[in-house]
């Protein structure tokens, strides 16, 4: 369990968090990005179980972001490579937590943990260029923009450009 300076708690996902997962994936934007449907309690529990399996395998580390005792989002580092000491960061929040700083605070804490706890050197993330809120999270979490990946993502028949950001263990933001 981790605690942010803002008082948020990052902990492993629990079966009791299934309603928060359902709330998050009820949004059309989240549903189209999911690897599979998350529309029932059973599917939410499968999503939570998959996060535990990734952790057990050492390939991904997802944390529930908890405010006032309730899960309101997630932060994760996946695609962990100990050959290159890199990882891919992702995040989301429930609708009620959007715009409150939860995602940025969670990502900052996740980065501290990934650098110190996993020994990673480089964390990357990407967001669609038409998602300014996600860009704001990346910037507030200390991730520098690195460029545009054209037509990187496809949802249905639509392709989207992605802006990539990265944060290094040696970046000054880590020492302030």
N, C-alpha and C. Protein backbone atom coordinates (compact mmCIF):
# COMPACT_ATOMS: atom_id res chain seq x y z
N UNK A 1 0.85 -1.18 0.00
CA UNK A 1 0.00 0.00 0.00
C UNK A 1 0.89 1.24 0.00
N UNK A 2 0.48 2.22 -0.80
CA UNK A 2 1.21 3.48 -0.91
C UNK A 2 0.26 4.62 -0.56
N UNK A 3 0.80 5.72 -0.07
CA UNK A 3 -0.02 6.90 0.22
C UNK A 3 0.61 8.11 -0.45
N UNK A 4 -0.22 8.89 -1.13
CA UNK A 4 0.27 10.10 -1.80
C UNK A 4 0.35 11.25 -0.80
N UNK A 5 1.13 12.27 -1.10
CA UNK A 5 1.14 13.45 -0.23
C UNK A 5 -0.25 14.09 -0.09
N UNK A 6 -1.12 13.85 -1.08
CA UNK A 6 -2.48 14.41 -1.05
C UNK A 6 -3.44 13.58 -0.20
N UNK A 7 -2.94 12.46 0.37
CA UNK A 7 -3.77 11.62 1.22
C UNK A 7 -4.52 10.50 0.51
N UNK A 8 -4.26 10.30 -0.77
CA UNK A 8 -4.86 9.18 -1.50
C UNK A 8 -4.09 7.91 -1.17
N UNK A 9 -4.78 6.80 -1.20
CA UNK A 9 -4.15 5.51 -0.95
C UNK A 9 -4.12 4.72 -2.25
N UNK A 10 -2.97 4.12 -2.56
CA UNK A 10 -2.85 3.19 -3.67
C UNK A 10 -2.70 1.81 -3.07
N UNK A 11 -3.61 0.92 -3.45
CA UNK A 11 -3.57 -0.45 -2.92
C UNK A 11 -3.99 -1.41 -4.03
N UNK A 12 -3.77 -2.70 -3.76
CA UNK A 12 -4.18 -3.72 -4.72
C UNK A 12 -5.70 -3.69 -4.86
N UNK A 13 -6.16 -4.06 -6.05
CA UNK A 13 -7.61 -4.16 -6.28
C UNK A 13 -8.18 -5.30 -5.47
N UNK A 14 -9.41 -5.12 -4.99
CA UNK A 14 -10.13 -6.13 -4.18
C UNK A 14 -11.47 -6.43 -4.85
N UNK A 15 -12.02 -7.59 -4.54
CA UNK A 15 -13.32 -7.95 -5.13
C UNK A 15 -14.39 -6.93 -4.76
N UNK A 16 -14.30 -6.32 -3.61
CA UNK A 16 -15.27 -5.31 -3.21
C UNK A 16 -15.21 -4.04 -4.04
N UNK A 17 -14.20 -3.91 -4.90
CA UNK A 17 -14.07 -2.76 -5.78
C UNK A 17 -14.81 -2.94 -7.09
N UNK A 18 -15.46 -4.07 -7.29
CA UNK A 18 -16.15 -4.34 -8.55
C UNK A 18 -17.13 -3.23 -8.94
N UNK A 19 -17.91 -2.65 -8.01
CA UNK A 19 -18.80 -1.56 -8.42
C UNK A 19 -18.05 -0.36 -9.01
N UNK A 20 -16.88 -0.04 -8.49
CA UNK A 20 -16.10 1.08 -9.04
C UNK A 20 -15.63 0.75 -10.45
N UNK A 21 -15.21 -0.48 -10.67
CA UNK A 21 -14.78 -0.90 -12.01
C UNK A 21 -15.95 -0.80 -12.97
N UNK A 22 -17.12 -1.26 -12.55
CA UNK A 22 -18.31 -1.16 -13.40
C UNK A 22 -18.65 0.28 -13.73
N UNK A 23 -18.56 1.16 -12.73
CA UNK A 23 -18.84 2.58 -12.97
C UNK A 23 -17.88 3.16 -14.00
N UNK A 24 -16.61 2.82 -13.87
CA UNK A 24 -15.61 3.36 -14.79
C UNK A 24 -15.86 2.87 -16.22
N UNK A 25 -16.11 1.58 -16.38
CA UNK A 25 -16.27 1.03 -17.72
C UNK A 25 -17.67 1.25 -18.30
N UNK A 26 -18.56 1.84 -17.53
CA UNK A 26 -19.88 2.20 -18.06
C UNK A 26 -19.79 3.36 -19.03
N UNK A 27 -18.77 4.18 -18.87
CA UNK A 27 -18.57 5.31 -19.79
C UNK A 27 -18.19 4.76 -21.16
N UNK A 28 -18.84 5.27 -22.20
CA UNK A 28 -18.60 4.78 -23.57
C UNK A 28 -17.13 4.85 -23.95
N UNK A 29 -16.47 5.93 -23.55
CA UNK A 29 -15.05 6.12 -23.87
C UNK A 29 -14.19 5.00 -23.28
N UNK A 30 -14.47 4.61 -22.06
CA UNK A 30 -13.72 3.53 -21.41
C UNK A 30 -14.08 2.18 -22.02
N UNK A 31 -15.35 1.97 -22.28
CA UNK A 31 -15.80 0.68 -22.80
C UNK A 31 -15.13 0.35 -24.13
N UNK A 32 -14.96 1.33 -24.99
CA UNK A 32 -14.37 1.04 -26.30
C UNK A 32 -12.87 0.79 -26.22
N UNK A 33 -12.24 1.18 -25.12
CA UNK A 33 -10.81 0.96 -24.96
C UNK A 33 -10.50 -0.34 -24.21
N UNK A 34 -11.51 -0.95 -23.62
CA UNK A 34 -11.30 -2.17 -22.84
C UNK A 34 -10.96 -3.35 -23.75
N UNK A 35 -10.16 -4.26 -23.24
CA UNK A 35 -9.80 -5.46 -24.00
C UNK A 35 -11.00 -6.38 -24.19
N UNK A 36 -11.94 -6.29 -23.31
CA UNK A 36 -13.17 -7.08 -23.38
C UNK A 36 -14.25 -6.37 -22.61
N UNK A 37 -15.48 -6.86 -22.70
CA UNK A 37 -16.57 -6.16 -22.02
C UNK A 37 -16.42 -6.21 -20.49
N UNK A 38 -16.80 -5.11 -19.87
CA UNK A 38 -16.84 -5.03 -18.40
C UNK A 38 -18.19 -4.40 -18.08
N UNK A 39 -19.24 -5.21 -18.20
CA UNK A 39 -20.60 -4.72 -18.03
C UNK A 39 -21.38 -5.44 -16.95
N UNK A 40 -20.78 -6.49 -16.37
CA UNK A 40 -21.43 -7.25 -15.30
C UNK A 40 -20.47 -7.35 -14.12
N UNK A 41 -21.02 -7.71 -12.97
CA UNK A 41 -20.16 -7.90 -11.79
C UNK A 41 -19.14 -9.00 -12.06
N UNK A 42 -19.55 -10.06 -12.73
CA UNK A 42 -18.62 -11.15 -13.03
C UNK A 42 -17.47 -10.66 -13.90
N UNK A 43 -17.77 -9.81 -14.90
CA UNK A 43 -16.72 -9.28 -15.76
C UNK A 43 -15.81 -8.32 -14.99
N UNK A 44 -16.37 -7.55 -14.08
CA UNK A 44 -15.55 -6.66 -13.24
C UNK A 44 -14.63 -7.49 -12.35
N UNK A 45 -15.13 -8.57 -11.80
CA UNK A 45 -14.30 -9.45 -10.98
C UNK A 45 -13.20 -10.10 -11.82
N UNK A 46 -13.52 -10.45 -13.07
CA UNK A 46 -12.49 -10.99 -13.97
C UNK A 46 -11.42 -9.94 -14.24
N UNK A 47 -11.83 -8.66 -14.42
CA UNK A 47 -10.88 -7.58 -14.64
C UNK A 47 -9.95 -7.46 -13.43
N UNK A 48 -10.52 -7.51 -12.23
CA UNK A 48 -9.72 -7.43 -11.00
C UNK A 48 -8.78 -8.62 -10.90
N UNK A 49 -9.27 -9.82 -11.22
CA UNK A 49 -8.43 -11.02 -11.17
C UNK A 49 -7.27 -10.93 -12.17
N UNK A 50 -7.53 -10.35 -13.33
CA UNK A 50 -6.47 -10.18 -14.32
C UNK A 50 -5.37 -9.26 -13.81
N UNK A 51 -5.73 -8.24 -13.04
CA UNK A 51 -4.72 -7.35 -12.46
C UNK A 51 -3.85 -8.12 -11.46
N UNK A 52 -4.47 -8.99 -10.66
CA UNK A 52 -3.70 -9.80 -9.71
C UNK A 52 -2.78 -10.76 -10.45
N UNK A 53 -3.25 -11.34 -11.55
CA UNK A 53 -2.42 -12.27 -12.33
C UNK A 53 -1.21 -11.56 -12.94
N UNK A 54 -1.41 -10.33 -13.42
CA UNK A 54 -0.28 -9.55 -13.96
C UNK A 54 0.75 -9.29 -12.87
N UNK A 55 0.26 -8.93 -11.69
CA UNK A 55 1.17 -8.66 -10.57
C UNK A 55 1.95 -9.93 -10.22
N UNK A 56 1.25 -11.05 -10.14
CA UNK A 56 1.90 -12.32 -9.80
C UNK A 56 2.95 -12.70 -10.84
N UNK A 57 2.68 -12.39 -12.10
CA UNK A 57 3.62 -12.70 -13.18
C UNK A 57 4.76 -11.69 -13.27
N UNK A 58 4.61 -10.55 -12.60
CA UNK A 58 5.63 -9.51 -12.65
C UNK A 58 5.60 -8.69 -13.93
N UNK A 59 4.51 -8.81 -14.70
CA UNK A 59 4.43 -8.10 -15.98
C UNK A 59 3.65 -6.79 -15.89
N UNK A 60 2.91 -6.62 -14.81
CA UNK A 60 2.13 -5.40 -14.66
C UNK A 60 1.73 -5.20 -13.21
N UNK A 61 1.61 -3.95 -12.83
CA UNK A 61 1.32 -3.60 -11.45
C UNK A 61 0.25 -2.51 -11.43
N UNK A 62 -0.98 -2.91 -11.15
CA UNK A 62 -2.12 -1.98 -11.11
C UNK A 62 -2.49 -1.71 -9.67
N UNK A 63 -2.79 -0.47 -9.41
CA UNK A 63 -3.18 -0.05 -8.07
C UNK A 63 -4.54 0.64 -8.14
N UNK A 64 -5.41 0.30 -7.21
CA UNK A 64 -6.64 1.07 -7.05
C UNK A 64 -6.26 2.37 -6.35
N UNK A 65 -6.78 3.48 -6.84
CA UNK A 65 -6.58 4.77 -6.18
C UNK A 65 -7.81 5.00 -5.32
N UNK A 66 -7.58 5.13 -4.02
CA UNK A 66 -8.67 5.16 -3.05
C UNK A 66 -8.72 6.53 -2.38
N UNK A 67 -9.92 7.10 -2.38
CA UNK A 67 -10.17 8.38 -1.71
C UNK A 67 -11.34 8.16 -0.76
N UNK A 68 -11.16 8.51 0.49
CA UNK A 68 -12.22 8.36 1.51
C UNK A 68 -12.76 6.94 1.55
N UNK A 69 -11.87 5.95 1.41
CA UNK A 69 -12.25 4.55 1.54
C UNK A 69 -12.81 3.89 0.29
N UNK A 70 -13.00 4.64 -0.79
CA UNK A 70 -13.60 4.09 -2.01
C UNK A 70 -12.62 4.19 -3.18
N UNK A 71 -12.57 3.14 -3.99
CA UNK A 71 -11.75 3.15 -5.20
C UNK A 71 -12.38 4.12 -6.19
N UNK A 72 -11.58 5.08 -6.67
CA UNK A 72 -12.08 6.08 -7.61
C UNK A 72 -11.25 6.12 -8.89
N UNK A 73 -10.30 5.20 -9.02
CA UNK A 73 -9.49 5.16 -10.23
C UNK A 73 -8.42 4.10 -10.14
N UNK A 74 -7.59 4.08 -11.16
CA UNK A 74 -6.46 3.16 -11.18
C UNK A 74 -5.25 3.85 -11.77
N UNK A 75 -4.10 3.40 -11.35
CA UNK A 75 -2.83 3.74 -11.99
C UNK A 75 -2.08 2.43 -12.15
N UNK A 76 -1.36 2.29 -13.25
CA UNK A 76 -0.71 1.02 -13.52
C UNK A 76 0.58 1.24 -14.29
N UNK A 77 1.50 0.32 -14.09
CA UNK A 77 2.69 0.24 -14.94
C UNK A 77 2.71 -1.19 -15.47
N UNK A 78 2.66 -1.30 -16.80
CA UNK A 78 2.63 -2.59 -17.48
C UNK A 78 3.78 -2.66 -18.47
N UNK A 79 3.82 -3.75 -19.21
CA UNK A 79 4.89 -3.97 -20.19
C UNK A 79 6.25 -3.70 -19.56
N UNK A 80 6.40 -4.16 -18.33
CA UNK A 80 7.65 -3.94 -17.59
C UNK A 80 8.75 -4.76 -18.23
N UNK A 81 9.84 -4.09 -18.59
CA UNK A 81 11.02 -4.75 -19.13
C UNK A 81 12.20 -4.49 -18.21
N UNK A 82 12.70 -5.55 -17.60
CA UNK A 82 13.89 -5.39 -16.76
C UNK A 82 15.17 -5.46 -17.59
N UNK A 83 15.04 -5.79 -18.86
CA UNK A 83 16.19 -5.72 -19.76
C UNK A 83 16.51 -4.26 -20.03
N UNK A 84 15.45 -3.47 -20.30
CA UNK A 84 15.65 -2.05 -20.60
C UNK A 84 15.27 -1.15 -19.43
N UNK A 85 14.73 -1.73 -18.35
CA UNK A 85 14.28 -0.98 -17.16
C UNK A 85 13.23 0.06 -17.54
N UNK A 86 12.22 -0.40 -18.30
CA UNK A 86 11.15 0.48 -18.76
C UNK A 86 9.78 -0.08 -18.38
N UNK A 87 8.79 0.79 -18.42
CA UNK A 87 7.42 0.37 -18.19
C UNK A 87 6.46 1.35 -18.85
N UNK A 88 5.23 0.90 -19.09
CA UNK A 88 4.18 1.69 -19.73
C UNK A 88 3.13 2.04 -18.69
N UNK A 89 2.86 3.31 -18.51
CA UNK A 89 1.94 3.81 -17.49
C UNK A 89 0.56 4.04 -18.10
N UNK A 90 -0.46 3.68 -17.35
CA UNK A 90 -1.84 3.99 -17.73
C UNK A 90 -2.60 4.41 -16.49
N UNK A 91 -3.75 5.05 -16.73
CA UNK A 91 -4.55 5.55 -15.61
C UNK A 91 -5.96 5.82 -16.09
N UNK A 92 -6.90 5.75 -15.16
CA UNK A 92 -8.27 6.22 -15.38
C UNK A 92 -8.90 6.53 -14.04
N UNK A 93 -9.96 7.29 -14.09
CA UNK A 93 -10.73 7.59 -12.88
C UNK A 93 -12.21 7.40 -13.18
N UNK A 94 -12.97 7.21 -12.11
CA UNK A 94 -14.41 7.20 -12.27
C UNK A 94 -14.86 8.63 -12.55
N UNK A 95 -16.04 8.76 -13.11
CA UNK A 95 -16.55 10.08 -13.49
C UNK A 95 -16.52 11.04 -12.30
N UNK A 96 -16.87 10.57 -11.11
CA UNK A 96 -16.94 11.45 -9.93
C UNK A 96 -15.58 12.00 -9.52
N UNK A 97 -14.50 11.34 -9.93
CA UNK A 97 -13.15 11.78 -9.53
C UNK A 97 -12.45 12.61 -10.60
N UNK A 98 -13.04 12.70 -11.79
CA UNK A 98 -12.38 13.42 -12.88
C UNK A 98 -12.22 14.90 -12.54
N UNK A 99 -11.06 15.44 -12.90
CA UNK A 99 -10.79 16.86 -12.69
C UNK A 99 -10.42 17.22 -11.27
N UNK A 100 -10.25 16.23 -10.39
CA UNK A 100 -9.95 16.52 -8.99
C UNK A 100 -8.48 16.32 -8.62
N UNK A 101 -7.65 15.95 -9.58
CA UNK A 101 -6.23 15.73 -9.30
C UNK A 101 -5.88 14.32 -8.88
N UNK A 102 -6.89 13.45 -8.80
CA UNK A 102 -6.67 12.06 -8.38
C UNK A 102 -5.70 11.34 -9.31
N UNK A 103 -5.92 11.45 -10.61
CA UNK A 103 -5.07 10.72 -11.57
C UNK A 103 -3.63 11.21 -11.50
N UNK A 104 -3.42 12.51 -11.52
CA UNK A 104 -2.05 13.04 -11.49
C UNK A 104 -1.33 12.65 -10.20
N UNK A 105 -2.01 12.75 -9.06
CA UNK A 105 -1.39 12.38 -7.79
C UNK A 105 -1.06 10.89 -7.78
N UNK A 106 -1.97 10.07 -8.29
CA UNK A 106 -1.73 8.63 -8.35
C UNK A 106 -0.56 8.29 -9.26
N UNK A 107 -0.49 8.93 -10.42
CA UNK A 107 0.61 8.66 -11.35
C UNK A 107 1.95 9.11 -10.77
N UNK A 108 1.97 10.24 -10.09
CA UNK A 108 3.23 10.68 -9.45
C UNK A 108 3.71 9.63 -8.44
N UNK A 109 2.79 9.13 -7.62
CA UNK A 109 3.17 8.13 -6.61
C UNK A 109 3.59 6.82 -7.28
N UNK A 110 2.87 6.42 -8.31
CA UNK A 110 3.23 5.22 -9.06
C UNK A 110 4.64 5.34 -9.63
N UNK A 111 4.98 6.51 -10.19
CA UNK A 111 6.31 6.72 -10.75
C UNK A 111 7.38 6.59 -9.66
N UNK A 112 7.15 7.21 -8.51
CA UNK A 112 8.12 7.09 -7.41
C UNK A 112 8.34 5.63 -7.06
N UNK A 113 7.24 4.88 -6.96
CA UNK A 113 7.33 3.46 -6.61
C UNK A 113 8.04 2.67 -7.70
N UNK A 114 7.72 2.91 -8.97
CA UNK A 114 8.32 2.16 -10.07
C UNK A 114 9.83 2.40 -10.15
N UNK A 115 10.25 3.63 -9.92
CA UNK A 115 11.69 3.92 -9.95
C UNK A 115 12.40 3.27 -8.75
N UNK A 116 11.84 3.44 -7.57
CA UNK A 116 12.50 2.92 -6.35
C UNK A 116 12.23 1.43 -6.14
N UNK A 117 10.98 1.01 -6.31
CA UNK A 117 10.59 -0.36 -6.00
C UNK A 117 10.90 -1.37 -7.08
N UNK A 118 10.75 -0.97 -8.33
CA UNK A 118 11.01 -1.89 -9.44
C UNK A 118 12.38 -1.65 -10.08
N UNK A 119 13.01 -0.54 -9.74
CA UNK A 119 14.31 -0.22 -10.32
C UNK A 119 14.23 0.19 -11.78
N UNK A 120 13.08 0.70 -12.21
CA UNK A 120 12.94 1.13 -13.60
C UNK A 120 13.65 2.46 -13.81
N UNK A 121 14.03 2.72 -15.05
CA UNK A 121 14.70 3.97 -15.39
C UNK A 121 13.81 4.88 -16.22
N UNK A 122 12.94 4.30 -17.05
CA UNK A 122 12.11 5.08 -17.97
C UNK A 122 10.67 4.59 -17.90
N UNK A 123 9.76 5.54 -17.71
CA UNK A 123 8.33 5.26 -17.77
C UNK A 123 7.76 6.04 -18.94
N UNK A 124 6.92 5.38 -19.71
CA UNK A 124 6.29 6.00 -20.87
C UNK A 124 4.78 5.94 -20.70
N UNK A 125 4.10 6.86 -21.37
CA UNK A 125 2.64 6.80 -21.48
C UNK A 125 2.25 7.50 -22.75
N UNK A 126 1.04 7.25 -23.19
CA UNK A 126 0.53 7.91 -24.37
C UNK A 126 -0.94 8.22 -24.21
N UNK A 127 -1.38 9.26 -24.88
CA UNK A 127 -2.80 9.62 -24.87
C UNK A 127 -3.19 10.08 -26.26
N UNK A 128 -4.45 9.86 -26.61
CA UNK A 128 -4.93 10.36 -27.90
C UNK A 128 -4.77 11.88 -27.92
N UNK A 129 -4.43 12.42 -29.06
CA UNK A 129 -4.23 13.87 -29.15
C UNK A 129 -5.53 14.63 -28.96
N UNK A 130 -6.67 13.95 -29.07
CA UNK A 130 -7.95 14.62 -28.84
C UNK A 130 -8.43 14.46 -27.39
N UNK A 131 -7.49 14.15 -26.48
CA UNK A 131 -7.83 13.97 -25.07
C UNK A 131 -6.97 14.92 -24.22
N UNK A 132 -7.34 16.20 -24.18
CA UNK A 132 -6.52 17.17 -23.43
C UNK A 132 -6.49 16.90 -21.93
N UNK A 133 -7.52 16.29 -21.38
CA UNK A 133 -7.51 16.00 -19.94
C UNK A 133 -6.42 14.99 -19.60
N UNK A 134 -6.25 13.97 -20.44
CA UNK A 134 -5.21 12.99 -20.19
C UNK A 134 -3.83 13.61 -20.36
N UNK A 135 -3.69 14.53 -21.30
CA UNK A 135 -2.42 15.24 -21.47
C UNK A 135 -2.10 16.04 -20.21
N UNK A 136 -3.11 16.70 -19.66
CA UNK A 136 -2.90 17.50 -18.44
C UNK A 136 -2.44 16.61 -17.29
N UNK A 137 -3.00 15.41 -17.16
CA UNK A 137 -2.56 14.47 -16.12
C UNK A 137 -1.09 14.15 -16.32
N UNK A 138 -0.71 13.80 -17.56
CA UNK A 138 0.68 13.43 -17.84
C UNK A 138 1.63 14.57 -17.47
N UNK A 139 1.29 15.78 -17.86
CA UNK A 139 2.16 16.92 -17.56
C UNK A 139 2.24 17.19 -16.06
N UNK A 140 1.09 17.15 -15.37
CA UNK A 140 1.10 17.39 -13.91
C UNK A 140 1.83 16.29 -13.15
N UNK A 141 1.93 15.11 -13.76
CA UNK A 141 2.65 14.00 -13.12
C UNK A 141 4.13 14.00 -13.48
N UNK A 142 4.58 15.02 -14.23
CA UNK A 142 6.01 15.16 -14.52
C UNK A 142 6.49 14.43 -15.75
N UNK A 143 5.58 14.02 -16.64
CA UNK A 143 5.95 13.32 -17.86
C UNK A 143 6.11 14.33 -19.00
N UNK A 144 7.30 14.37 -19.59
CA UNK A 144 7.60 15.32 -20.67
C UNK A 144 7.08 14.77 -21.99
N UNK A 145 6.48 15.65 -22.81
CA UNK A 145 6.04 15.20 -24.14
C UNK A 145 7.24 14.89 -25.02
N UNK A 146 7.12 13.84 -25.82
CA UNK A 146 8.22 13.43 -26.69
C UNK A 146 7.87 13.41 -28.17
N UNK A 147 6.60 13.44 -28.50
CA UNK A 147 6.25 13.46 -29.92
C UNK A 147 4.92 12.78 -30.20
N UNK A 148 4.54 12.85 -31.46
CA UNK A 148 3.26 12.31 -31.91
C UNK A 148 3.50 11.01 -32.68
N UNK A 149 2.73 10.00 -32.33
CA UNK A 149 2.73 8.74 -33.07
C UNK A 149 1.45 8.74 -33.92
N UNK A 150 1.64 8.88 -35.23
CA UNK A 150 0.50 9.02 -36.12
C UNK A 150 -0.26 7.70 -36.26
N UNK A 151 -1.59 7.83 -36.18
CA UNK A 151 -2.50 6.69 -36.38
C UNK A 151 -2.12 5.48 -35.52
N UNK A 152 -1.70 5.73 -34.29
CA UNK A 152 -1.19 4.68 -33.39
C UNK A 152 -2.29 3.75 -32.89
N UNK A 153 -3.47 4.30 -32.58
CA UNK A 153 -4.56 3.50 -32.01
C UNK A 153 -5.71 3.38 -33.00
N UNK A 154 -6.41 2.25 -32.89
CA UNK A 154 -7.62 2.05 -33.70
C UNK A 154 -8.74 1.57 -32.78
N UNK A 155 -9.83 2.29 -32.81
CA UNK A 155 -11.05 1.90 -32.12
C UNK A 155 -12.13 1.81 -33.18
N UNK A 156 -12.62 0.59 -33.42
CA UNK A 156 -13.55 0.39 -34.52
C UNK A 156 -12.82 0.67 -35.82
N UNK A 157 -13.39 1.52 -36.65
CA UNK A 157 -12.75 1.85 -37.93
C UNK A 157 -11.96 3.16 -37.86
N UNK A 158 -11.95 3.81 -36.71
CA UNK A 158 -11.26 5.10 -36.55
C UNK A 158 -9.84 4.90 -36.05
N UNK A 159 -8.92 5.67 -36.60
CA UNK A 159 -7.53 5.67 -36.15
C UNK A 159 -7.25 6.99 -35.45
N UNK A 160 -6.40 6.95 -34.43
CA UNK A 160 -6.12 8.13 -33.61
C UNK A 160 -4.62 8.32 -33.46
N UNK A 161 -4.21 9.59 -33.55
CA UNK A 161 -2.83 9.94 -33.24
C UNK A 161 -2.66 9.94 -31.72
N UNK A 162 -1.45 9.63 -31.28
CA UNK A 162 -1.14 9.55 -29.86
C UNK A 162 0.08 10.41 -29.56
N UNK A 163 -0.01 11.19 -28.49
CA UNK A 163 1.16 11.92 -28.02
C UNK A 163 1.83 11.08 -26.94
N UNK A 164 3.11 10.84 -27.12
CA UNK A 164 3.88 10.05 -26.15
C UNK A 164 4.57 10.99 -25.18
N UNK A 165 4.58 10.58 -23.91
CA UNK A 165 5.28 11.29 -22.84
C UNK A 165 6.19 10.29 -22.13
N UNK A 166 7.21 10.78 -21.47
CA UNK A 166 8.09 9.91 -20.69
C UNK A 166 8.62 10.65 -19.48
N UNK A 167 8.98 9.87 -18.49
CA UNK A 167 9.62 10.38 -17.28
C UNK A 167 10.76 9.44 -16.96
N UNK A 168 11.93 10.01 -16.69
CA UNK A 168 13.12 9.22 -16.36
C UNK A 168 13.40 9.29 -14.87
N UNK A 169 14.02 8.27 -14.36
CA UNK A 169 14.40 8.26 -12.94
C UNK A 169 15.33 9.41 -12.62
N UNK A 170 16.05 9.91 -13.60
CA UNK A 170 17.03 10.99 -13.40
C UNK A 170 16.42 12.38 -13.62
N UNK A 171 15.16 12.47 -13.97
CA UNK A 171 14.54 13.78 -14.19
C UNK A 171 14.49 14.59 -12.91
N UNK A 172 14.72 15.90 -12.99
CA UNK A 172 14.70 16.75 -11.79
C UNK A 172 13.38 16.68 -11.01
N UNK A 173 12.28 16.38 -11.68
CA UNK A 173 10.98 16.31 -10.98
C UNK A 173 11.00 15.27 -9.86
N UNK A 174 11.88 14.30 -9.94
CA UNK A 174 11.96 13.25 -8.94
C UNK A 174 12.70 13.68 -7.67
N UNK A 175 13.31 14.84 -7.69
CA UNK A 175 14.16 15.25 -6.57
C UNK A 175 13.67 16.53 -5.90
N UNK A 176 12.45 16.93 -6.20
CA UNK A 176 11.94 18.20 -5.67
C UNK A 176 11.10 18.12 -4.46
